[in-house]
Amino acid sequence: VFLSLQLFGTIVWILVASTQVPLPLLQGWVMFVAVTAWFLSIVFLSVFLLGYANRIAVNWNQADFIFHGATFVFYFGAFLLQAATTSLHYLPRKFNSTAQERILSGREYNISIAASV
């Protein structure tokens, strides 16, 4: 489970970082969640691989449940924000301009869809 969390967190991190980030506030939270969950899962995995789980008197089943529950809530919120950014694809970049430049280009729109999923 930890390796899949690291893999998908890294993919989201890469996909969001590869766009031009038209809405920094929304996508900044997505990046924060992806990077933080990735880092904490590395720490959690290291605790188990290095044998510290046997030395620390913690209910690891409960800690694992709380960690994954919190990660789910934060990733779901990040999904909503990333999907909201993706849904703004057809809006113009500058509202008082007559140029046809969109918030997300076709390539960035596809990357944003992949990051949302």
C-alpha atoms as a PDB file:
ATOM      1  CA  VAL A   1       0.000   0.000   0.000  1.00  0.00           C
ATOM      2  CA  PHE A   2       2.814   2.408   0.833  1.00  0.00           C
ATOM      3  CA  LEU A   3       4.585   1.813  -2.460  1.00  0.00           C
ATOM      4  CA  SER A   4       1.405   2.488  -4.432  1.00  0.00           C
ATOM      5  CA  LEU A   5       0.850   5.683  -2.442  1.00  0.00           C
ATOM      6  CA  GLN A   6       4.391   6.788  -3.259  1.00  0.00           C
ATOM      7  CA  LEU A   7       4.023   5.884  -6.920  1.00  0.00           C
ATOM      8  CA  PHE A   8       0.713   7.669  -7.473  1.00  0.00           C
ATOM      9  CA  GLY A   9       1.754  10.625  -5.306  1.00  0.00           C
ATOM     10  CA  THR A  10       4.860  11.017  -7.439  1.00  0.00           C
ATOM     11  CA  ILE A  11       2.805  10.833 -10.629  1.00  0.00           C
ATOM     12  CA  VAL A  12       0.418  13.562  -9.398  1.00  0.00           C
ATOM     13  CA  TRP A  13       3.382  15.647  -8.317  1.00  0.00           C
ATOM     14  CA  ILE A  14       4.989  15.336 -11.761  1.00  0.00           C
ATOM     15  CA  LEU A  15       1.765  15.973 -13.674  1.00  0.00           C
ATOM     16  CA  VAL A  16       0.818  19.098 -11.740  1.00  0.00           C
ATOM     17  CA  ALA A  17       4.389  20.409 -11.875  1.00  0.00           C
ATOM     18  CA  SER A  18       4.477  19.956 -15.661  1.00  0.00           C
ATOM     19  CA  THR A  19       1.623  22.417 -16.232  1.00  0.00           C
ATOM     20  CA  GLN A  20       1.976  26.195 -16.173  1.00  0.00           C
ATOM     21  CA  VAL A  21      -0.114  26.364 -12.962  1.00  0.00           C
ATOM     22  CA  PRO A  22      -2.702  28.947 -14.051  1.00  0.00           C
ATOM     23  CA  LEU A  23      -4.353  29.002 -10.614  1.00  0.00           C
ATOM     24  CA  PRO A  24      -1.507  28.811  -8.051  1.00  0.00           C
ATOM     25  CA  LEU A  25      -3.758  28.759  -4.990  1.00  0.00           C
ATOM     26  CA  LEU A  26      -5.701  25.682  -6.118  1.00  0.00           C
ATOM     27  CA  GLN A  27      -2.828  23.742  -7.602  1.00  0.00           C
ATOM     28  CA  GLY A  28      -0.488  24.746  -4.786  1.00  0.00           C
ATOM     29  CA  TRP A  29      -2.688  22.801  -2.387  1.00  0.00           C
ATOM     30  CA  VAL A  30      -2.634  19.801  -4.735  1.00  0.00           C
ATOM     31  CA  MET A  31       1.171  19.917  -4.784  1.00  0.00           C
ATOM     32  CA  PHE A  32       1.325  20.308  -1.002  1.00  0.00           C
ATOM     33  CA  VAL A  33      -0.876  17.254  -0.468  1.00  0.00           C
ATOM     34  CA  ALA A  34       1.037  15.125  -2.987  1.00  0.00           C
ATOM     35  CA  VAL A  35       4.476  16.042  -1.640  1.00  0.00           C
ATOM     36  CA  THR A  36       3.478  15.781   2.034  1.00  0.00           C
ATOM     37  CA  ALA A  37       1.746  12.416   1.608  1.00  0.00           C
ATOM     38  CA  TRP A  38       4.713  11.148  -0.401  1.00  0.00           C
ATOM     39  CA  PHE A  39       7.188  12.251   2.287  1.00  0.00           C
ATOM     40  CA  LEU A  40       5.124  10.893   5.191  1.00  0.00           C
ATOM     41  CA  SER A  41       4.648   7.553   3.468  1.00  0.00           C
ATOM     42  CA  ILE A  42       8.443   7.329   3.019  1.00  0.00           C
ATOM     43  CA  VAL A  43       8.860   8.019   6.745  1.00  0.00           C
ATOM     44  CA  PHE A  44       6.165   5.472   7.642  1.00  0.00           C
ATOM     45  CA  LEU A  45       7.762   2.849   5.382  1.00  0.00           C
ATOM     46  CA  SER A  46      11.214   3.551   6.824  1.00  0.00           C
ATOM     47  CA  VAL A  47       9.923   3.021  10.356  1.00  0.00           C
ATOM     48  CA  PHE A  48       8.783  -0.461   9.389  1.00  0.00           C
ATOM     49  CA  LEU A  49      11.794  -1.380   7.244  1.00  0.00           C
ATOM     50  CA  LEU A  50      14.340  -0.271   9.847  1.00  0.00           C
ATOM     51  CA  GLY A  51      12.573  -2.145  12.655  1.00  0.00           C
ATOM     52  CA  TYR A  52      11.563   0.860  14.732  1.00  0.00           C
ATOM     53  CA  ALA A  53       7.967  -0.384  14.767  1.00  0.00           C
ATOM     54  CA  ASN A  54       8.981  -3.047  17.290  1.00  0.00           C
ATOM     55  CA  ARG A  55      10.714  -0.509  19.540  1.00  0.00           C
ATOM     56  CA  ILE A  56       7.981   2.136  19.616  1.00  0.00           C
ATOM     57  CA  ALA A  57       4.910   1.281  21.691  1.00  0.00           C
ATOM     58  CA  VAL A  58       2.210   2.481  19.304  1.00  0.00           C
ATOM     59  CA  ASN A  59      -0.897   0.750  18.013  1.00  0.00           C
ATOM     60  CA  TRP A  60       0.373   0.547  14.415  1.00  0.00           C
ATOM     61  CA  ASN A  61      -2.941  -0.699  13.056  1.00  0.00           C
ATOM     62  CA  GLN A  62      -4.663   2.401  14.383  1.00  0.00           C
ATOM     63  CA  ALA A  63      -1.818   4.671  13.208  1.00  0.00           C
ATOM     64  CA  ASP A  64      -2.019   3.128   9.734  1.00  0.00           C
ATOM     65  CA  PHE A  65      -5.800   3.585   9.657  1.00  0.00           C
ATOM     66  CA  ILE A  66      -5.548   7.228  10.750  1.00  0.00           C
ATOM     67  CA  PHE A  67      -2.729   7.949   8.269  1.00  0.00           C
ATOM     68  CA  HIS A  68      -4.590   6.475   5.311  1.00  0.00           C
ATOM     69  CA  GLY A  69      -7.890   8.061   6.387  1.00  0.00           C
ATOM     70  CA  ALA A  70      -6.293  11.500   6.599  1.00  0.00           C
ATOM     71  CA  THR A  71      -4.481  10.943   3.315  1.00  0.00           C
ATOM     72  CA  PHE A  72      -7.781   9.989   1.670  1.00  0.00           C
ATOM     73  CA  VAL A  73      -9.491  13.150   2.925  1.00  0.00           C
ATOM     74  CA  PHE A  74      -6.637  15.405   1.770  1.00  0.00           C
ATOM     75  CA  TYR A  75      -6.287  13.670  -1.608  1.00  0.00           C
ATOM     76  CA  PHE A  76     -10.039  13.905  -2.150  1.00  0.00           C
ATOM     77  CA  GLY A  77      -9.896  17.641  -1.453  1.00  0.00           C
ATOM     78  CA  ALA A  78      -6.928  17.932  -3.802  1.00  0.00           C
ATOM     79  CA  PHE A  79      -8.884  15.997  -6.438  1.00  0.00           C
ATOM     80  CA  LEU A  80     -11.772  18.445  -6.166  1.00  0.00           C
ATOM     81  CA  LEU A  81      -9.461  21.438  -6.553  1.00  0.00           C
ATOM     82  CA  GLN A  82      -7.594  19.884  -9.482  1.00  0.00           C
ATOM     83  CA  ALA A  83     -10.892  18.966 -11.150  1.00  0.00           C
ATOM     84  CA  ALA A  84     -12.137  22.536 -10.597  1.00  0.00           C
ATOM     85  CA  THR A  85      -8.995  23.853 -12.293  1.00  0.00           C
ATOM     86  CA  THR A  86      -9.527  21.431 -15.171  1.00  0.00           C
ATOM     87  CA  SER A  87     -13.152  22.490 -15.582  1.00  0.00           C
ATOM     88  CA  LEU A  88     -12.051  26.084 -16.227  1.00  0.00           C
ATOM     89  CA  HIS A  89     -10.383  24.990 -19.467  1.00  0.00           C
ATOM     90  CA  TYR A  90     -12.675  27.017 -21.740  1.00  0.00           C
ATOM     91  CA  LEU A  91     -12.432  30.313 -19.858  1.00  0.00           C
ATOM     92  CA  PRO A  92     -10.180  33.008 -21.329  1.00  0.00           C
ATOM     93  CA  ARG A  93      -6.887  33.700 -19.525  1.00  0.00           C
ATOM     94  CA  LYS A  94      -7.671  37.446 -19.294  1.00  0.00           C
ATOM     95  CA  PHE A  95     -11.324  38.358 -18.962  1.00  0.00           C
ATOM     96  CA  ASN A  96     -11.019  41.853 -20.451  1.00  0.00           C
ATOM     97  CA  SER A  97      -9.042  40.684 -23.496  1.00  0.00           C
ATOM     98  CA  THR A  98     -10.332  39.686 -26.906  1.00  0.00           C
ATOM     99  CA  ALA A  99      -7.514  37.163 -27.418  1.00  0.00           C
ATOM    100  CA  GLN A 100      -8.495  33.503 -27.658  1.00  0.00           C
ATOM    101  CA  GLU A 101      -5.839  32.379 -25.182  1.00  0.00           C
ATOM    102  CA  ARG A 102      -7.352  29.912 -22.720  1.00  0.00           C
ATOM    103  CA  ILE A 103      -6.442  29.195 -19.087  1.00  0.00           C
ATOM    104  CA  LEU A 104      -5.246  25.708 -20.051  1.00  0.00           C
ATOM    105  CA  SER A 105      -3.847  24.767 -23.432  1.00  0.00           C
ATOM    106  CA  GLY A 106      -4.906  21.466 -24.999  1.00  0.00           C
ATOM    107  CA  ARG A 107      -1.788  19.686 -23.678  1.00  0.00           C
ATOM    108  CA  GLU A 108      -2.170  21.176 -20.184  1.00  0.00           C
ATOM    109  CA  TYR A 109      -5.847  20.227 -20.204  1.00  0.00           C
ATOM    110  CA  ASN A 110      -4.935  16.588 -20.857  1.00  0.00           C
ATOM    111  CA  ILE A 111      -2.245  16.644 -18.158  1.00  0.00           C
ATOM    112  CA  SER A 112      -4.707  18.223 -15.724  1.00  0.00           C
ATOM    113  CA  ILE A 113      -7.249  15.483 -16.440  1.00  0.00           C
ATOM    114  CA  ALA A 114      -4.580  12.846 -15.740  1.00  0.00           C
ATOM    115  CA  ALA A 115      -3.601  14.593 -12.496  1.00  0.00           C
ATOM    116  CA  SER A 116      -7.265  14.730 -11.442  1.00  0.00           C
ATOM    117  CA  VAL A 117      -7.720  11.011 -12.026  1.00  0.00           C
END
